[in-house]
Amino acid sequence: MGILTGILGLFSTLAALNSFADTCFRSLDSSVGYITLDKHPGAAFILLLIATIFKLFDIWAHVIVPVPETAYWTPDGEAVDSENSKTRSLIDPTQAKSSDFHNEV
């Protein structure tokens, strides 16, 4: 799911940045009356573009990191642990209290 949302986010943000660039500084006239305009993307636009390009690393991380087998749940709320051929009970996140998530030493 992270791969799909990453790709969707990447392309939708690139489309929005391209639309902004076309509308806001590429299509503007370089002069208005006797005033000459200097049209170029600003720091915020460039930083958003860099952050969007970093989304490629996020997508790649989702591709190379495997899903742990204990992430698979049976209908009765048991987590499947095929490595040890047994199941162990997990806390239902919708019914849990914050104290349920503290590690026991």
PDB file of N, CA and C in Angstrom:
ATOM      1  N   MET A   1       0.814  -1.186   0.000  1.00  0.00           N
ATOM      2  CA  MET A   1       0.000   0.000   0.000  1.00  0.00           C
ATOM      3  C   MET A   1       0.865   1.260   0.000  1.00  0.00           C
ATOM      4  N   GLY A   2       2.007   1.192   0.707  1.00  0.00           N
ATOM      5  CA  GLY A   2       2.904   2.342   0.745  1.00  0.00           C
ATOM      6  C   GLY A   2       3.495   2.662  -0.618  1.00  0.00           C
ATOM      7  N   ILE A   3       3.697   1.626  -1.427  1.00  0.00           N
ATOM      8  CA  ILE A   3       4.234   1.847  -2.774  1.00  0.00           C
ATOM      9  C   ILE A   3       3.219   2.603  -3.615  1.00  0.00           C
ATOM     10  N   LEU A   4       1.976   2.149  -3.569  1.00  0.00           N
ATOM     11  CA  LEU A   4       0.925   2.782  -4.364  1.00  0.00           C
ATOM     12  C   LEU A   4       0.695   4.228  -3.945  1.00  0.00           C
ATOM     13  N   THR A   5       0.601   4.480  -2.644  1.00  0.00           N
ATOM     14  CA  THR A   5       0.375   5.855  -2.191  1.00  0.00           C
ATOM     15  C   THR A   5       1.591   6.737  -2.465  1.00  0.00           C
ATOM     16  N   GLY A   6       2.784   6.156  -2.406  1.00  0.00           N
ATOM     17  CA  GLY A   6       3.984   6.918  -2.728  1.00  0.00           C
ATOM     18  C   GLY A   6       4.024   7.348  -4.182  1.00  0.00           C
ATOM     19  N   ILE A   7       3.683   6.421  -5.069  1.00  0.00           N
ATOM     20  CA  ILE A   7       3.661   6.745  -6.501  1.00  0.00           C
ATOM     21  C   ILE A   7       2.579   7.778  -6.798  1.00  0.00           C
ATOM     22  N   LEU A   8       1.406   7.583  -6.211  1.00  0.00           N
ATOM     23  CA  LEU A   8       0.321   8.535  -6.413  1.00  0.00           C
ATOM     24  C   LEU A   8       0.704   9.922  -5.901  1.00  0.00           C
ATOM     25  N   GLY A   9       1.303   9.975  -4.712  1.00  0.00           N
ATOM     26  CA  GLY A   9       1.736  11.254  -4.153  1.00  0.00           C
ATOM     27  C   GLY A   9       2.820  11.918  -4.982  1.00  0.00           C
ATOM     28  N   LEU A  10       3.748  11.116  -5.479  1.00  0.00           N
ATOM     29  CA  LEU A  10       4.829  11.647  -6.305  1.00  0.00           C
ATOM     30  C   LEU A  10       4.284  12.317  -7.566  1.00  0.00           C
ATOM     31  N   PHE A  11       3.444  11.582  -8.299  1.00  0.00           N
ATOM     32  CA  PHE A  11       2.955  12.127  -9.560  1.00  0.00           C
ATOM     33  C   PHE A  11       1.961  13.267  -9.367  1.00  0.00           C
ATOM     34  N   SER A  12       1.137  13.205  -8.339  1.00  0.00           N
ATOM     35  CA  SER A  12       0.192  14.306  -8.120  1.00  0.00           C
ATOM     36  C   SER A  12       0.914  15.585  -7.690  1.00  0.00           C
ATOM     37  N   THR A  13       1.959  15.451  -6.881  1.00  0.00           N
ATOM     38  CA  THR A  13       2.721  16.636  -6.474  1.00  0.00           C
ATOM     39  C   THR A  13       3.517  17.204  -7.638  1.00  0.00           C
ATOM     40  N   LEU A  14       4.106  16.326  -8.462  1.00  0.00           N
ATOM     41  CA  LEU A  14       4.815  16.827  -9.644  1.00  0.00           C
ATOM     42  C   LEU A  14       3.864  17.542 -10.602  1.00  0.00           C
ATOM     43  N   ALA A  15       2.648  17.011 -10.762  1.00  0.00           N
ATOM     44  CA  ALA A  15       1.661  17.666 -11.631  1.00  0.00           C
ATOM     45  C   ALA A  15       1.260  19.025 -11.065  1.00  0.00           C
ATOM     46  N   ALA A  16       1.076  19.103  -9.753  1.00  0.00           N
ATOM     47  CA  ALA A  16       0.709  20.375  -9.131  1.00  0.00           C
ATOM     48  C   ALA A  16       1.835  21.396  -9.261  1.00  0.00           C
ATOM     49  N   LEU A  17       3.080  20.974  -9.057  1.00  0.00           N
ATOM     50  CA  LEU A  17       4.211  21.886  -9.203  1.00  0.00           C
ATOM     51  C   LEU A  17       4.360  22.353 -10.650  1.00  0.00           C
ATOM     52  N   ASN A  18       4.143  21.456 -11.604  1.00  0.00           N
ATOM     53  CA  ASN A  18       4.212  21.838 -13.013  1.00  0.00           C
ATOM     54  C   ASN A  18       3.111  22.833 -13.368  1.00  0.00           C
ATOM     55  N   SER A  19       1.919  22.595 -12.862  1.00  0.00           N
ATOM     56  CA  SER A  19       0.804  23.510 -13.113  1.00  0.00           C
ATOM     57  C   SER A  19       1.084  24.884 -12.504  1.00  0.00           C
ATOM     58  N   PHE A  20       1.610  24.898 -11.297  1.00  0.00           N
ATOM     59  CA  PHE A  20       1.967  26.157 -10.648  1.00  0.00           C
ATOM     60  C   PHE A  20       3.027  26.891 -11.461  1.00  0.00           C
ATOM     61  N   ALA A  21       4.050  26.156 -11.923  1.00  0.00           N
ATOM     62  CA  ALA A  21       5.127  26.775 -12.694  1.00  0.00           C
ATOM     63  C   ALA A  21       4.597  27.353 -14.003  1.00  0.00           C
ATOM     64  N   ASP A  22       3.728  26.613 -14.691  1.00  0.00           N
ATOM     65  CA  ASP A  22       3.163  27.118 -15.946  1.00  0.00           C
ATOM     66  C   ASP A  22       2.339  28.372 -15.731  1.00  0.00           C
ATOM     67  N   THR A  23       1.529  28.373 -14.693  1.00  0.00           N
ATOM     68  CA  THR A  23       0.611  29.476 -14.453  1.00  0.00           C
ATOM     69  C   THR A  23       1.292  30.685 -13.832  1.00  0.00           C
ATOM     70  N   CYS A  24       2.204  30.461 -12.931  1.00  0.00           N
ATOM     71  CA  CYS A  24       2.710  31.557 -12.113  1.00  0.00           C
ATOM     72  C   CYS A  24       4.007  32.195 -12.581  1.00  0.00           C
ATOM     73  N   PHE A  25       4.889  31.476 -13.250  1.00  0.00           N
ATOM     74  CA  PHE A  25       6.079  32.186 -13.705  1.00  0.00           C
ATOM     75  C   PHE A  25       6.508  31.881 -15.122  1.00  0.00           C
ATOM     76  N   ARG A  26       6.102  30.796 -15.717  1.00  0.00           N
ATOM     77  CA  ARG A  26       6.485  30.554 -17.112  1.00  0.00           C
ATOM     78  C   ARG A  26       5.659  31.382 -18.089  1.00  0.00           C
ATOM     79  N   SER A  27       4.376  31.549 -17.792  1.00  0.00           N
ATOM     80  CA  SER A  27       3.501  32.236 -18.740  1.00  0.00           C
ATOM     81  C   SER A  27       3.404  33.741 -18.503  1.00  0.00           C
ATOM     82  N   LEU A  28       4.051  34.254 -17.488  1.00  0.00           N
ATOM     83  CA  LEU A  28       4.011  35.695 -17.234  1.00  0.00           C
ATOM     84  C   LEU A  28       4.861  36.443 -18.246  1.00  0.00           C
ATOM     85  N   ASP A  29       4.421  37.641 -18.564  1.00  0.00           N
ATOM     86  CA  ASP A  29       5.233  38.494 -19.428  1.00  0.00           C
ATOM     87  C   ASP A  29       6.470  38.936 -18.669  1.00  0.00           C
ATOM     88  N   SER A  30       7.556  39.146 -19.397  1.00  0.00           N
ATOM     89  CA  SER A  30       8.794  39.545 -18.738  1.00  0.00           C
ATOM     90  C   SER A  30       8.829  41.031 -18.406  1.00  0.00           C
ATOM     91  N   SER A  31       7.851  41.770 -18.883  1.00  0.00           N
ATOM     92  CA  SER A  31       7.785  43.183 -18.515  1.00  0.00           C
ATOM     93  C   SER A  31       6.333  43.641 -18.491  1.00  0.00           C
ATOM     94  N   VAL A  32       6.064  44.558 -17.583  1.00  0.00           N
ATOM     95  CA  VAL A  32       4.747  45.178 -17.461  1.00  0.00           C
ATOM     96  C   VAL A  32       4.980  46.675 -17.513  1.00  0.00           C
ATOM     97  N   GLY A  33       4.593  47.266 -18.650  1.00  0.00           N
ATOM     98  CA  GLY A  33       4.856  48.686 -18.824  1.00  0.00           C
ATOM     99  C   GLY A  33       6.355  48.938 -18.851  1.00  0.00           C
ATOM    100  N   TYR A  34       6.815  49.765 -17.965  1.00  0.00           N
ATOM    101  CA  TYR A  34       8.238  50.064 -17.899  1.00  0.00           C
ATOM    102  C   TYR A  34       8.964  49.225 -16.831  1.00  0.00           C
ATOM    103  N   ILE A  35       8.258  48.309 -16.185  1.00  0.00           N
ATOM    104  CA  ILE A  35       8.855  47.455 -15.159  1.00  0.00           C
ATOM    105  C   ILE A  35       9.260  46.117 -15.767  1.00  0.00           C
ATOM    106  N   THR A  36      10.507  45.733 -15.554  1.00  0.00           N
ATOM    107  CA  THR A  36      10.998  44.439 -16.026  1.00  0.00           C
ATOM    108  C   THR A  36      10.936  43.437 -14.874  1.00  0.00           C
ATOM    109  N   LEU A  37      10.373  42.270 -15.165  1.00  0.00           N
ATOM    110  CA  LEU A  37      10.225  41.239 -14.143  1.00  0.00           C
ATOM    111  C   LEU A  37      11.306  40.179 -14.300  1.00  0.00           C
ATOM    112  N   ASP A  38      11.802  39.705 -13.183  1.00  0.00           N
ATOM    113  CA  ASP A  38      12.758  38.603 -13.163  1.00  0.00           C
ATOM    114  C   ASP A  38      11.980  37.359 -12.746  1.00  0.00           C
ATOM    115  N   LYS A  39      11.674  36.491 -13.719  1.00  0.00           N
ATOM    116  CA  LYS A  39      10.847  35.305 -13.460  1.00  0.00           C
ATOM    117  C   LYS A  39      11.739  34.098 -13.227  1.00  0.00           C
ATOM    118  N   HIS A  40      11.630  33.514 -12.043  1.00  0.00           N
ATOM    119  CA  HIS A  40      12.327  32.280 -11.744  1.00  0.00           C
ATOM    120  C   HIS A  40      11.666  31.630 -10.523  1.00  0.00           C
ATOM    121  N   PRO A  41      11.811  30.324 -10.383  1.00  0.00           N
ATOM    122  CA  PRO A  41      11.226  29.678  -9.205  1.00  0.00           C
ATOM    123  C   PRO A  41      11.956  30.116  -7.938  1.00  0.00           C
ATOM    124  N   GLY A  42      11.180  30.320  -6.892  1.00  0.00           N
ATOM    125  CA  GLY A  42      11.755  30.749  -5.623  1.00  0.00           C
ATOM    126  C   GLY A  42      12.230  29.579  -4.783  1.00  0.00           C
ATOM    127  N   ALA A  43      12.706  29.905  -3.599  1.00  0.00           N
ATOM    128  CA  ALA A  43      13.251  28.888  -2.695  1.00  0.00           C
ATOM    129  C   ALA A  43      12.185  27.871  -2.295  1.00  0.00           C
ATOM    130  N   ALA A  44      10.975  28.317  -2.010  1.00  0.00           N
ATOM    131  CA  ALA A  44       9.913  27.401  -1.583  1.00  0.00           C
ATOM    132  C   ALA A  44       9.589  26.395  -2.692  1.00  0.00           C
ATOM    133  N   PHE A  45       9.512  26.862  -3.919  1.00  0.00           N
ATOM    134  CA  PHE A  45       9.230  25.965  -5.047  1.00  0.00           C
ATOM    135  C   PHE A  45      10.345  24.930  -5.196  1.00  0.00           C
ATOM    136  N   ILE A  46      11.571  25.373  -5.117  1.00  0.00           N
ATOM    137  CA  ILE A  46      12.715  24.466  -5.282  1.00  0.00           C
ATOM    138  C   ILE A  46      12.754  23.444  -4.147  1.00  0.00           C
ATOM    139  N   LEU A  47      12.490  23.881  -2.907  1.00  0.00           N
ATOM    140  CA  LEU A  47      12.495  22.945  -1.782  1.00  0.00           C
ATOM    141  C   LEU A  47      11.356  21.935  -1.883  1.00  0.00           C
ATOM    142  N   LEU A  48      10.185  22.373  -2.346  1.00  0.00           N
ATOM    143  CA  LEU A  48       9.087  21.427  -2.560  1.00  0.00           C
ATOM    144  C   LEU A  48       9.443  20.411  -3.644  1.00  0.00           C
ATOM    145  N   LEU A  49      10.116  20.859  -4.684  1.00  0.00           N
ATOM    146  CA  LEU A  49      10.545  19.950  -5.745  1.00  0.00           C
ATOM    147  C   LEU A  49      11.558  18.934  -5.212  1.00  0.00           C
ATOM    148  N   ILE A  50      12.499  19.383  -4.390  1.00  0.00           N
ATOM    149  CA  ILE A  50      13.482  18.470  -3.805  1.00  0.00           C
ATOM    150  C   ILE A  50      12.792  17.461  -2.893  1.00  0.00           C
ATOM    151  N   ALA A  51      11.852  17.934  -2.066  1.00  0.00           N
ATOM    152  CA  ALA A  51      11.120  17.033  -1.170  1.00  0.00           C
ATOM    153  C   ALA A  51      10.320  16.005  -1.967  1.00  0.00           C
ATOM    154  N   THR A  52       9.776  16.429  -3.096  1.00  0.00           N
ATOM    155  CA  THR A  52       9.015  15.515  -3.942  1.00  0.00           C
ATOM    156  C   THR A  52       9.927  14.470  -4.565  1.00  0.00           C
ATOM    157  N   ILE A  53      11.115  14.867  -4.957  1.00  0.00           N
ATOM    158  CA  ILE A  53      12.074  13.918  -5.529  1.00  0.00           C
ATOM    159  C   ILE A  53      12.523  12.913  -4.468  1.00  0.00           C
ATOM    160  N   PHE A  54      12.612  13.344  -3.207  1.00  0.00           N
ATOM    161  CA  PHE A  54      12.940  12.411  -2.117  1.00  0.00           C
ATOM    162  C   PHE A  54      11.874  11.337  -1.955  1.00  0.00           C
ATOM    163  N   LYS A  55      10.683  11.583  -2.464  1.00  0.00           N
ATOM    164  CA  LYS A  55       9.619  10.581  -2.405  1.00  0.00           C
ATOM    165  C   LYS A  55      10.036   9.308  -3.147  1.00  0.00           C
ATOM    166  N   LEU A  56      10.916   9.429  -4.127  1.00  0.00           N
ATOM    167  CA  LEU A  56      11.427   8.245  -4.828  1.00  0.00           C
ATOM    168  C   LEU A  56      12.150   7.311  -3.862  1.00  0.00           C
ATOM    169  N   PHE A  57      12.898   7.868  -2.908  1.00  0.00           N
ATOM    170  CA  PHE A  57      13.591   7.041  -1.913  1.00  0.00           C
ATOM    171  C   PHE A  57      12.583   6.358  -0.985  1.00  0.00           C
ATOM    172  N   ASP A  58      11.504   7.051  -0.663  1.00  0.00           N
ATOM    173  CA  ASP A  58      10.442   6.467   0.155  1.00  0.00           C
ATOM    174  C   ASP A  58       9.801   5.281  -0.561  1.00  0.00           C
ATOM    175  N   ILE A  59       9.521   5.457  -1.843  1.00  0.00           N
ATOM    176  CA  ILE A  59       8.943   4.368  -2.638  1.00  0.00           C
ATOM    177  C   ILE A  59       9.915   3.195  -2.692  1.00  0.00           C
ATOM    178  N   TRP A  60      11.195   3.481  -2.922  1.00  0.00           N
ATOM    179  CA  TRP A  60      12.195   2.422  -2.999  1.00  0.00           C
ATOM    180  C   TRP A  60      12.307   1.678  -1.669  1.00  0.00           C
ATOM    181  N   ALA A  61      12.210   2.396  -0.552  1.00  0.00           N
ATOM    182  CA  ALA A  61      12.266   1.750   0.760  1.00  0.00           C
ATOM    183  C   ALA A  61      11.087   0.791   0.937  1.00  0.00           C
ATOM    184  N   HIS A  62       9.914   1.176   0.456  1.00  0.00           N
ATOM    185  CA  HIS A  62       8.759   0.290   0.536  1.00  0.00           C
ATOM    186  C   HIS A  62       8.941  -0.944  -0.352  1.00  0.00           C
ATOM    187  N   VAL A  63       9.680  -0.800  -1.433  1.00  0.00           N
ATOM    188  CA  VAL A  63       9.905  -1.928  -2.338  1.00  0.00           C
ATOM    189  C   VAL A  63      10.884  -2.933  -1.723  1.00  0.00           C
ATOM    190  N   ILE A  64      11.953  -2.447  -1.097  1.00  0.00           N
ATOM    191  CA  ILE A  64      12.998  -3.361  -0.648  1.00  0.00           C
ATOM    192  C   ILE A  64      12.791  -3.921   0.751  1.00  0.00           C
ATOM    193  N   VAL A  65      11.980  -3.269   1.597  1.00  0.00           N
ATOM    194  CA  VAL A  65      11.773  -3.759   2.959  1.00  0.00           C
ATOM    195  C   VAL A  65      10.601  -4.733   2.962  1.00  0.00           C
ATOM    196  N   PRO A  66      10.834  -5.982   3.364  1.00  0.00           N
ATOM    197  CA  PRO A  66       9.738  -6.953   3.363  1.00  0.00           C
ATOM    198  C   PRO A  66       8.772  -6.711   4.522  1.00  0.00           C
ATOM    199  N   VAL A  67       7.557  -7.134   4.340  1.00  0.00           N
ATOM    200  CA  VAL A  67       6.548  -7.049   5.394  1.00  0.00           C
ATOM    201  C   VAL A  67       6.817  -8.185   6.372  1.00  0.00           C
ATOM    202  N   PRO A  68       6.908  -7.886   7.679  1.00  0.00           N
ATOM    203  CA  PRO A  68       7.140  -8.977   8.631  1.00  0.00           C
ATOM    204  C   PRO A  68       5.978  -9.959   8.640  1.00  0.00           C
ATOM    205  N   GLU A  69       6.284 -11.212   8.769  1.00  0.00           N
ATOM    206  CA  GLU A  69       5.236 -12.223   8.719  1.00  0.00           C
ATOM    207  C   GLU A  69       4.262 -12.096   9.871  1.00  0.00           C
ATOM    208  N   THR A  70       4.677 -11.518  10.996  1.00  0.00           N
ATOM    209  CA  THR A  70       3.758 -11.354  12.118  1.00  0.00           C
ATOM    210  C   THR A  70       2.735 -10.261  11.853  1.00  0.00           C
ATOM    211  N   ALA A  71       2.828  -9.616  10.711  1.00  0.00           N
ATOM    212  CA  ALA A  71       1.837  -8.603  10.360  1.00  0.00           C
ATOM    213  C   ALA A  71       0.553  -9.228   9.825  1.00  0.00           C
ATOM    214  N   TYR A  72       0.589 -10.517   9.541  1.00  0.00           N
ATOM    215  CA  TYR A  72      -0.599 -11.188   9.026  1.00  0.00           C
ATOM    216  C   TYR A  72      -1.475 -11.651  10.181  1.00  0.00           C
ATOM    217  N   TRP A  73      -2.749 -11.305  10.130  1.00  0.00           N
ATOM    218  CA  TRP A  73      -3.687 -11.612  11.205  1.00  0.00           C
ATOM    219  C   TRP A  73      -4.691 -12.651  10.744  1.00  0.00           C
ATOM    220  N   THR A  74      -5.073 -13.530  11.654  1.00  0.00           N
ATOM    221  CA  THR A  74      -6.167 -14.456  11.382  1.00  0.00           C
ATOM    222  C   THR A  74      -7.465 -13.768  11.781  1.00  0.00           C
ATOM    223  N   PRO A  75      -8.608 -14.251  11.307  1.00  0.00           N
ATOM    224  CA  PRO A  75      -9.880 -13.594  11.630  1.00  0.00           C
ATOM    225  C   PRO A  75     -10.189 -13.496  13.125  1.00  0.00           C
ATOM    226  N   ASP A  76      -9.624 -14.393  13.939  1.00  0.00           N
ATOM    227  CA  ASP A  76      -9.905 -14.347  15.375  1.00  0.00           C
ATOM    228  C   ASP A  76      -8.925 -13.461  16.147  1.00  0.00           C
ATOM    229  N   GLY A  77      -8.110 -12.674  15.459  1.00  0.00           N
ATOM    230  CA  GLY A  77      -7.218 -11.733  16.115  1.00  0.00           C
ATOM    231  C   GLY A  77      -5.857 -12.281  16.460  1.00  0.00           C
ATOM    232  N   GLU A  78      -5.518 -13.447  15.970  1.00  0.00           N
ATOM    233  CA  GLU A  78      -4.211 -14.037  16.215  1.00  0.00           C
ATOM    234  C   GLU A  78      -3.264 -13.643  15.083  1.00  0.00           C
ATOM    235  N   ALA A  79      -2.019 -13.390  15.444  1.00  0.00           N
ATOM    236  CA  ALA A  79      -1.013 -13.076  14.434  1.00  0.00           C
ATOM    237  C   ALA A  79      -0.342 -14.367  13.985  1.00  0.00           C
ATOM    238  N   VAL A  80      -0.179 -14.531  12.706  1.00  0.00           N
ATOM    239  CA  VAL A  80       0.433 -15.739  12.167  1.00  0.00           C
ATOM    240  C   VAL A  80       1.941 -15.562  12.186  1.00  0.00           C
ATOM    241  N   ASP A  81       2.634 -16.478  12.815  1.00  0.00           N
ATOM    242  CA  ASP A  81       4.088 -16.475  12.875  1.00  0.00           C
ATOM    243  C   ASP A  81       4.569 -17.771  12.238  1.00  0.00           C
ATOM    244  N   SER A  82       4.719 -17.768  10.923  1.00  0.00           N
ATOM    245  CA  SER A  82       5.051 -19.006  10.212  1.00  0.00           C
ATOM    246  C   SER A  82       6.481 -19.450  10.461  1.00  0.00           C
ATOM    247  N   GLU A  83       7.341 -18.546  10.903  1.00  0.00           N
ATOM    248  CA  GLU A  83       8.732 -18.918  11.146  1.00  0.00           C
ATOM    249  C   GLU A  83       8.824 -19.932  12.285  1.00  0.00           C
ATOM    250  N   ASN A  84       8.009 -19.765  13.330  1.00  0.00           N
ATOM    251  CA  ASN A  84       8.019 -20.690  14.463  1.00  0.00           C
ATOM    252  C   ASN A  84       6.842 -21.655  14.428  1.00  0.00           C
ATOM    253  N   SER A  85       6.047 -21.599  13.395  1.00  0.00           N
ATOM    254  CA  SER A  85       4.880 -22.461  13.211  1.00  0.00           C
ATOM    255  C   SER A  85       3.916 -22.409  14.384  1.00  0.00           C
ATOM    256  N   LYS A  86       3.725 -21.253  14.940  1.00  0.00           N
ATOM    257  CA  LYS A  86       2.741 -21.071  15.997  1.00  0.00           C
ATOM    258  C   LYS A  86       2.158 -19.666  15.893  1.00  0.00           C
ATOM    259  N   THR A  87       1.097 -19.442  16.597  1.00  0.00           N
ATOM    260  CA  THR A  87       0.490 -18.119  16.587  1.00  0.00           C
ATOM    261  C   THR A  87       0.630 -17.503  17.967  1.00  0.00           C
ATOM    262  N   ARG A  88       0.655 -16.192  17.996  1.00  0.00           N
ATOM    263  CA  ARG A  88       0.667 -15.497  19.271  1.00  0.00           C
ATOM    264  C   ARG A  88      -0.348 -14.368  19.204  1.00  0.00           C
ATOM    265  N   SER A  89      -0.941 -14.069  20.308  1.00  0.00           N
ATOM    266  CA  SER A  89      -1.997 -13.069  20.364  1.00  0.00           C
ATOM    267  C   SER A  89      -1.386 -11.674  20.313  1.00  0.00           C
ATOM    268  N   LEU A  90      -1.988 -10.811  19.543  1.00  0.00           N
ATOM    269  CA  LEU A  90      -1.577  -9.414  19.487  1.00  0.00           C
ATOM    270  C   LEU A  90      -2.683  -8.537  20.051  1.00  0.00           C
ATOM    271  N   ILE A  91      -2.310  -7.359  20.472  1.00  0.00           N
ATOM    272  CA  ILE A  91      -3.284  -6.409  20.993  1.00  0.00           C
ATOM    273  C   ILE A  91      -4.061  -5.835  19.818  1.00  0.00           C
ATOM    274  N   ASP A  92      -5.387  -5.842  19.932  1.00  0.00           N
ATOM    275  CA  ASP A  92      -6.226  -5.229  18.912  1.00  0.00           C
ATOM    276  C   ASP A  92      -6.041  -3.714  19.022  1.00  0.00           C
ATOM    277  N   PRO A  93      -5.477  -3.051  17.990  1.00  0.00           N
ATOM    278  CA  PRO A  93      -5.176  -1.627  18.090  1.00  0.00           C
ATOM    279  C   PRO A  93      -6.409  -0.754  18.321  1.00  0.00           C
ATOM    280  N   THR A  94      -7.577  -1.220  17.938  1.00  0.00           N
ATOM    281  CA  THR A  94      -8.782  -0.406  18.139  1.00  0.00           C
ATOM    282  C   THR A  94      -9.278  -0.477  19.572  1.00  0.00           C
ATOM    283  N   GLN A  95      -8.865  -1.495  20.318  1.00  0.00           N
ATOM    284  CA  GLN A  95      -9.324  -1.680  21.694  1.00  0.00           C
ATOM    285  C   GLN A  95      -8.214  -1.435  22.720  1.00  0.00           C
ATOM    286  N   ALA A  96      -7.032  -1.080  22.284  1.00  0.00           N
ATOM    287  CA  ALA A  96      -5.882  -1.001  23.182  1.00  0.00           C
ATOM    288  C   ALA A  96      -5.840   0.297  23.961  1.00  0.00           C
ATOM    289  N   LYS A  97      -5.221   0.215  25.136  1.00  0.00           N
ATOM    290  CA  LYS A  97      -4.925   1.386  25.950  1.00  0.00           C
ATOM    291  C   LYS A  97      -3.459   1.713  25.729  1.00  0.00           C
ATOM    292  N   SER A  98      -3.041   2.931  26.063  1.00  0.00           N
ATOM    293  CA  SER A  98      -1.646   3.313  25.852  1.00  0.00           C
ATOM    294  C   SER A  98      -0.713   2.448  26.672  1.00  0.00           C
ATOM    295  N   SER A  99      -1.146   1.962  27.842  1.00  0.00           N
ATOM    296  CA  SER A  99      -0.282   1.126  28.680  1.00  0.00           C
ATOM    297  C   SER A  99      -0.019  -0.240  28.043  1.00  0.00           C
ATOM    298  N   ASP A 100      -0.850  -0.668  27.090  1.00  0.00           N
ATOM    299  CA  ASP A 100      -0.654  -1.948  26.432  1.00  0.00           C
ATOM    300  C   ASP A 100       0.576  -1.971  25.525  1.00  0.00           C
ATOM    301  N   PHE A 101       1.075  -0.801  25.159  1.00  0.00           N
ATOM    302  CA  PHE A 101       2.154  -0.726  24.203  1.00  0.00           C
ATOM    303  C   PHE A 101       3.525  -0.530  24.831  1.00  0.00           C
ATOM    304  N   HIS A 102       3.608  -0.466  26.171  1.00  0.00           N
ATOM    305  CA  HIS A 102       4.896  -0.314  26.842  1.00  0.00           C
ATOM    306  C   HIS A 102       5.608  -1.660  26.880  1.00  0.00           C
ATOM    307  N   ASN A 103       6.902  -1.621  26.643  1.00  0.00           N
ATOM    308  CA  ASN A 103       7.696  -2.853  26.660  1.00  0.00           C
ATOM    309  C   ASN A 103       7.909  -3.316  28.090  1.00  0.00           C
ATOM    310  N   GLU A 104       7.788  -4.608  28.310  1.00  0.00           N
ATOM    311  CA  GLU A 104       8.083  -5.160  29.623  1.00  0.00           C
ATOM    312  C   GLU A 104       9.550  -5.542  29.654  1.00  0.00           C
ATOM    313  N   VAL A 105      10.200  -5.278  30.781  1.00  0.00           N
ATOM    314  CA  VAL A 105      11.621  -5.579  30.912  1.00  0.00           C
ATOM    315  C   VAL A 105      11.817  -6.843  31.687  1.00  0.00           C
TER     316      VAL A 105
END
